[in-house]
Protein backbone atom coordinates (compact mmCIF):
# COMPACT_ATOMS: atom_id res chain seq x y z
CA MET A 1 94.37 54.68 86.17
CA LYS A 2 90.98 53.48 87.44
CA GLU A 3 89.40 54.47 84.09
CA LEU A 4 91.53 51.79 82.41
CA LEU A 5 90.17 48.98 84.59
CA THR A 6 86.85 47.23 84.16
CA VAL A 7 85.56 45.10 87.02
CA SER A 8 83.12 42.40 85.90
CA ALA A 9 82.16 38.80 86.53
CA SER A 10 83.85 36.00 84.64
CA PRO A 11 84.31 34.91 81.92
CA HIS A 12 86.72 37.68 80.96
CA ILE A 13 87.72 36.18 77.61
CA ARG A 14 84.89 36.37 75.11
CA GLY A 15 84.59 35.06 71.57
CA LYS A 16 83.13 36.81 68.54
CA MET A 17 80.24 34.35 68.26
CA ASN A 18 76.88 35.57 69.57
CA ILE A 19 73.36 34.11 69.63
CA THR A 20 72.16 35.89 66.50
CA LEU A 21 75.15 34.86 64.41
CA ALA A 22 74.97 31.26 65.65
CA MET A 23 71.26 30.98 64.85
CA ARG A 24 71.74 32.41 61.37
CA LEU A 25 74.62 30.07 60.62
CA VAL A 26 72.45 27.08 61.57
CA ILE A 27 69.70 28.40 59.30
CA ILE A 28 72.21 28.79 56.46
CA ALA A 29 73.33 25.17 56.99
CA LEU A 30 69.71 24.05 56.60
CA VAL A 31 69.00 26.05 53.44
CA PRO A 32 70.31 23.44 50.93
CA ALA A 33 68.07 20.73 52.42
CA PHE A 34 65.13 23.15 52.39
CA ILE A 35 65.62 24.12 48.74
CA PHE A 36 65.89 20.46 47.77
CA SER A 37 62.66 19.70 49.64
CA VAL A 38 60.86 22.44 47.71
CA TYR A 39 62.12 20.81 44.52
CA LEU A 40 61.03 17.34 45.67
CA TYR A 41 57.55 18.17 46.98
CA GLY A 42 56.63 21.48 45.39
CA VAL A 43 55.51 24.90 46.55
CA ARG A 44 53.48 23.39 49.40
CA VAL A 45 56.73 22.94 51.34
CA LEU A 46 57.45 26.65 50.97
CA ILE A 47 53.97 27.57 52.22
CA ILE A 48 54.19 25.25 55.25
CA THR A 49 57.60 26.64 56.18
CA ILE A 50 56.52 30.28 55.82
CA ILE A 51 53.46 29.64 58.02
CA SER A 52 55.58 27.91 60.63
CA ILE A 53 58.18 30.70 60.76
CA VAL A 54 55.67 33.58 60.73
CA VAL A 55 53.60 32.06 63.54
CA SER A 56 56.77 31.44 65.56
CA LEU A 57 57.80 35.09 65.20
CA VAL A 58 54.34 36.42 66.06
CA CYS A 59 53.95 34.16 69.11
CA GLU A 60 57.42 35.07 70.34
CA ALA A 61 56.76 38.80 70.08
CA VAL A 62 53.29 38.60 71.64
CA MET A 63 54.43 36.43 74.55
CA GLN A 64 57.43 38.64 75.28
CA LYS A 65 55.18 41.71 75.20
CA MET A 66 52.63 40.08 77.53
CA LEU A 67 55.32 38.92 79.96
CA GLY A 68 57.04 42.30 80.02
CA ARG A 69 60.23 41.12 78.38
CA LYS A 70 62.34 42.69 75.69
CA ILE A 71 61.19 41.62 72.23
CA THR A 72 64.07 39.66 70.69
CA ILE A 73 62.68 38.23 67.46
CA ALA A 74 65.64 39.76 65.63
CA ASP A 75 67.97 37.15 67.17
CA SER A 76 66.57 34.56 64.69
CA SER A 77 65.92 31.92 67.36
CA ALA A 78 62.17 31.96 66.60
CA VAL A 79 62.93 31.67 62.89
CA LEU A 80 65.06 28.60 63.55
CA THR A 81 62.36 27.04 65.72
CA GLY A 82 59.77 27.57 62.99
CA LEU A 83 62.09 26.18 60.34
CA LEU A 84 62.92 23.06 62.36
CA LEU A 85 59.25 22.50 63.20
CA ALA A 86 58.44 22.60 59.47
CA PHE A 87 61.32 20.22 58.77
CA ASN A 88 59.66 17.69 61.09
CA LEU A 89 56.29 17.70 59.31
CA PRO A 90 55.09 15.55 56.40
CA PRO A 91 54.70 17.74 53.28
CA GLY A 92 51.03 16.84 52.90
CA VAL A 93 49.77 17.99 56.32
CA PRO A 94 46.89 20.53 56.50
CA LEU A 95 48.16 24.10 56.55
CA TRP A 96 46.79 24.75 60.04
CA MET A 97 49.12 22.16 61.57
CA PRO A 98 52.40 24.10 61.24
CA ALA A 99 50.64 27.09 62.80
CA ILE A 100 49.45 25.11 65.83
CA GLY A 101 52.76 23.27 66.17
CA SER A 102 54.81 26.48 66.07
CA ALA A 103 52.50 28.21 68.54
CA PHE A 104 52.84 25.33 70.99
CA ALA A 105 56.62 25.24 70.54
CA ILE A 106 57.08 28.95 71.24
CA ILE A 107 54.41 29.50 73.90
CA PHE A 108 54.50 26.32 75.97
CA ALA A 109 57.98 24.91 75.38
CA LYS A 110 59.94 28.17 75.27
CA GLN A 111 58.41 31.43 76.52
CA LEU A 112 56.50 30.09 79.53
CA PHE A 113 59.77 28.67 80.83
CA GLY A 114 61.53 32.02 80.52
CA GLY A 115 62.46 32.26 76.85
CA LEU A 116 65.67 31.40 75.05
CA GLY A 117 68.18 29.84 77.44
CA TYR A 118 65.60 28.64 79.95
CA ASN A 119 63.62 26.02 78.01
CA PHE A 120 64.46 22.50 79.17
CA ILE A 121 63.38 20.69 75.99
CA ASN A 122 63.85 21.47 72.32
CA PRO A 123 60.86 23.67 71.35
CA ALA A 124 60.56 22.41 67.76
CA LEU A 125 60.58 18.78 68.87
CA ALA A 126 58.06 19.59 71.60
CA GLY A 127 55.80 21.06 68.91
CA ARG A 128 56.22 17.96 66.78
CA ALA A 129 55.47 15.67 69.73
CA PHE A 130 52.32 17.68 70.50
CA LEU A 131 51.11 17.34 66.90
CA MET A 132 51.94 13.63 66.88
CA ALA A 133 49.96 13.03 70.05
CA SER A 134 47.01 15.14 68.91
CA TRP A 135 46.73 14.25 65.22
CA PRO A 136 48.72 11.04 64.64
CA THR A 137 46.90 10.21 61.41
CA PHE A 138 48.02 13.42 59.72
CA MET A 139 51.56 13.05 61.09
CA THR A 140 52.02 9.48 59.87
CA ARG A 141 50.13 9.34 56.57
CA GLU A 142 50.30 12.71 54.80
CA TRP A 143 53.33 11.83 52.69
CA LEU A 144 53.96 13.01 49.14
CA ALA A 145 55.94 11.14 46.49
CA PRO A 146 59.11 13.05 45.54
CA VAL A 147 59.93 14.23 42.04
CA GLY A 148 61.84 11.49 40.23
CA GLY A 149 61.38 8.92 42.99
CA THR A 150 58.91 6.89 45.00
CA LEU A 151 57.65 7.15 48.56
CA SER A 152 59.56 4.05 49.63
CA GLY A 153 62.62 4.43 47.44
CA ILE A 154 61.66 1.16 45.73
CA ASP A 155 59.97 0.98 42.34
CA GLY A 156 56.48 -0.45 42.54
CA ILE A 157 55.95 0.24 46.26
CA THR A 158 54.30 3.61 46.76
CA GLY A 159 52.33 3.29 49.98
CA ALA A 160 54.98 3.72 52.68
CA THR A 161 58.21 5.47 53.60
CA PRO A 162 61.33 3.27 54.00
CA LEU A 163 61.09 3.01 57.80
CA THR A 164 57.36 2.27 57.71
CA LEU A 165 58.04 -0.40 55.11
CA LEU A 166 60.71 -1.93 57.34
CA LYS A 167 58.43 -1.80 60.37
CA ASN A 168 55.50 -3.58 58.69
CA PRO A 169 56.79 -5.32 55.54
CA ALA A 170 53.98 -7.90 55.53
CA ASN A 171 51.45 -5.12 54.84
CA TYR A 172 53.04 -4.42 51.47
CA GLY A 173 53.99 -7.83 50.11
CA ASP A 174 56.40 -10.67 50.79
CA PRO A 175 58.42 -9.56 53.86
CA SER A 176 61.62 -11.32 52.82
CA VAL A 177 61.53 -9.76 49.35
CA ILE A 178 60.81 -6.28 50.68
CA ILE A 179 63.59 -6.42 53.28
CA SER A 180 65.99 -7.68 50.64
CA ARG A 181 65.11 -4.75 48.39
CA LEU A 182 65.48 -2.27 51.22
CA ASN A 183 69.05 -3.47 51.68
CA GLU A 184 69.92 -3.10 47.99
CA MET A 185 72.45 -0.44 47.05
CA GLU A 186 70.01 1.28 44.70
CA THR A 187 67.49 1.78 47.50
CA ILE A 188 70.14 3.06 49.90
CA LYS A 189 71.37 5.44 47.21
CA ASN A 190 67.85 6.85 46.79
CA ILE A 191 67.56 7.29 50.57
CA PHE A 192 70.95 8.99 50.83
CA ILE A 193 70.26 11.45 48.02
CA GLY A 194 66.66 12.04 49.05
CA LYS A 195 64.52 10.50 46.32
CA ILE A 196 62.08 9.14 48.90
CA GLY A 197 59.11 10.27 50.94
CA GLY A 198 59.41 11.60 54.46
CA CYS A 199 59.24 14.74 56.55
CA ILE A 200 60.09 17.98 54.79
CA GLY A 201 63.63 18.38 56.04
CA GLU A 202 64.80 14.85 56.68
CA THR A 203 64.82 13.23 53.25
CA SER A 204 68.28 14.15 51.93
CA ALA A 205 70.89 12.65 54.25
CA LEU A 206 73.58 14.00 51.91
CA LEU A 207 72.62 17.66 52.27
CA LEU A 208 72.05 17.34 56.01
CA LEU A 209 75.48 15.76 56.36
CA ILE A 210 77.10 18.62 54.44
CA GLY A 211 75.30 21.23 56.55
CA GLY A 212 76.10 19.40 59.78
CA LEU A 213 79.80 19.09 59.00
CA PHE A 214 79.88 22.79 58.16
CA LEU A 215 78.54 23.59 61.65
CA ILE A 216 81.08 21.29 63.31
CA ILE A 217 83.96 22.87 61.40
CA ILE A 218 83.00 26.43 62.38
CA GLY A 219 82.41 25.39 66.00
CA ILE A 220 78.64 25.82 66.28
CA VAL A 221 78.03 22.11 66.84
CA ASP A 222 79.99 19.92 69.27
CA TYR A 223 81.22 16.78 67.55
CA ARG A 224 80.93 14.78 70.79
CA ILE A 225 77.13 14.68 70.70
CA VAL A 226 77.06 13.84 66.98
CA VAL A 227 79.70 11.10 67.20
CA GLY A 228 78.20 9.69 70.39
CA TYR A 229 74.74 9.65 68.81
CA LEU A 230 75.65 8.18 65.42
CA GLY A 231 78.32 5.88 66.90
CA SER A 232 76.11 4.24 69.52
CA PHE A 233 73.26 4.01 67.03
CA SER A 234 75.47 2.34 64.41
CA LEU A 235 76.94 -0.13 66.91
CA LEU A 236 73.52 -1.27 68.14
CA ALA A 237 72.09 -1.39 64.61
CA LEU A 238 75.02 -3.62 63.71
CA VAL A 239 74.74 -6.11 66.57
CA LEU A 240 70.96 -6.22 67.04
CA PRO A 241 68.55 -7.99 64.64
CA THR A 242 67.22 -4.84 62.98
CA LYS A 243 66.45 -6.58 59.63
CA ALA A 244 68.05 -3.82 57.53
CA ASN A 245 71.77 -3.06 57.38
CA VAL A 246 73.49 -0.26 59.29
CA VAL A 247 73.80 2.07 56.30
CA PHE A 248 70.04 1.90 55.67
CA HIS A 249 69.31 2.84 59.27
CA LEU A 250 71.83 5.70 59.27
CA PHE A 251 70.40 7.36 56.17
CA SER A 252 66.70 6.71 56.88
CA GLY A 253 64.29 8.93 58.76
CA GLY A 254 65.36 11.97 60.73
CA LEU A 255 68.60 10.62 62.20
CA PHE A 256 70.95 13.13 60.53
CA LEU A 257 68.55 16.02 61.14
CA GLY A 258 68.30 15.06 64.80
CA ALA A 259 71.97 14.28 65.38
CA PHE A 260 73.41 17.40 63.75
CA PHE A 261 70.74 20.04 64.25
CA MET A 262 68.50 19.15 67.21
CA ALA A 263 70.39 17.03 69.73
CA THR A 264 73.18 19.62 69.62
CA ASP A 265 70.97 22.51 70.74
CA TRP A 266 73.06 24.57 73.17
CA VAL A 267 70.27 25.15 75.67
CA THR A 268 68.92 21.61 76.02
CA SER A 269 72.15 19.61 75.82
CA PRO A 270 74.82 19.20 78.54
CA ILE A 271 77.53 21.80 79.02
CA THR A 272 80.33 19.40 80.02
CA ASN A 273 82.37 17.42 77.51
CA LYS A 274 81.80 14.15 79.32
CA GLY A 275 78.11 14.96 79.61
CA ARG A 276 77.83 15.52 75.87
CA TRP A 277 79.24 12.07 75.19
CA ILE A 278 76.68 10.58 77.58
CA PHE A 279 73.88 12.62 76.02
CA GLY A 280 74.76 11.58 72.46
CA ILE A 281 75.15 7.91 73.37
CA GLY A 282 71.83 8.00 75.22
CA CYS A 283 70.08 9.45 72.18
CA GLY A 284 71.53 6.71 69.96
CA VAL A 285 70.49 3.91 72.31
CA LEU A 286 66.95 5.25 72.73
CA THR A 287 66.52 5.74 68.98
CA VAL A 288 67.37 2.10 68.28
CA VAL A 289 65.13 0.89 71.11
CA ILE A 290 62.15 2.92 69.86
CA ARG A 291 62.70 1.90 66.24
CA MET A 292 62.90 -1.76 67.12
CA TRP A 293 60.30 -2.14 69.86
CA GLY A 294 58.23 1.05 69.79
CA GLY A 295 54.91 1.62 68.10
CA TYR A 296 56.28 4.16 65.61
CA PRO A 297 58.91 3.37 62.96
CA GLU A 298 60.98 6.44 63.89
CA GLY A 299 62.50 7.27 67.28
CA VAL A 300 64.73 10.31 66.83
CA SER A 301 62.40 13.00 68.18
CA TYR A 302 61.37 11.14 71.33
CA SER A 303 64.91 10.00 72.08
CA ILE A 304 66.19 13.60 72.03
CA LEU A 305 63.26 14.87 74.12
CA LEU A 306 63.85 12.15 76.71
CA MET A 307 67.54 12.98 76.94
CA ASN A 308 66.69 16.70 77.21
CA VAL A 309 64.89 15.86 80.44
CA PHE A 310 68.03 14.16 81.80
CA THR A 311 70.37 17.02 80.82
CA PRO A 312 70.35 18.75 84.27
CA LEU A 313 71.16 15.44 85.97
CA ILE A 314 73.92 14.69 83.46
CA ASP A 315 75.43 18.13 84.05
CA ARG A 316 75.32 17.61 87.79
CA LEU A 317 76.96 14.19 87.66
CA THR A 318 79.67 15.27 85.22
CA ARG A 319 80.43 18.66 86.73
CA GLU A 320 84.08 19.44 86.17
CA ARG A 321 86.31 20.47 89.02
CA ILE A 322 86.61 24.23 89.43
CA PHE A 323 90.14 25.59 89.14
CA GLY A 324 91.56 25.94 92.66
CA GLU A 325 88.82 23.85 94.26
CA GLN A 326 89.98 21.40 96.91
CA ARG A 327 88.38 18.02 97.48
CA LYS A 328 87.07 17.34 100.97
CA ARG A 329 88.96 14.65 102.80
CA LYS A 330 86.98 11.85 104.37
CA GLY A 331 86.51 12.43 108.05
CA ALA A 332 87.62 16.06 107.81
CA LYS A 333 85.90 18.52 110.12
CA LYS A 334 83.51 20.98 108.56
């Protein structure tokens, strides 16, 4: 009889989903946006992405070997980190930048904290933040015009991405005219489809939306973070004087990439349902604040990184009651 019983720690009910499968499904969801980016900006996007992924894999294996850990590059987590790091880079950056960014992401933001499951911030976003702090000129100016479109999404204006144009309209012409054109349906259509300049993986809101919904449907992504993020962002963009309309702000920049694929990272987001709502709402609020009053036109990356830091506190404050646990009565003896 004892051979039929297995004694182990909870949980005793396990699903079929594992880390490797989850990582690969996220990668699959990103493939359409990646292919479209290669079409928009050319083979350079492919080269940048390959460099980023290869360096991520090499750094992961070397660090795990040095630290005496099992080498787990087959779980695809390093591949996903490299892919997301590439997605957050302008397509015109020097080819050494994805290598340095990926190395920083894997070594300093992931492996030195214990590897997958122990990092407290999103590694790809940490790599992007490091590159932004170290080489801001490359990270904010190395844009390429897309095939069949313009950098801004507006004919005749080729020197800035939509969010940069909104941030400093006077640098490119009559501010009132530029803002009016940014709010036109034709411009918003170009931004939604992806016929604009921007980071490699953020340009097509349509393809990111399709991939993100796919992950929600199959249960990889929790809708609470996404809805909390996009909902709070939309509400503030609607009530605050942000110059452009809500739809423009939703489709511009890396909002969809961040909301669906980076804020929802299992390791760096809260584990409680209530905590995930708080996390998503916090990301949305911070993104609007940075976009409106910050020095950079975009705020997605920094908003997620800041909320990553608060994740342990959010988990602690929203800890759900354990089944069978009794609340202590006031004045009760210990």
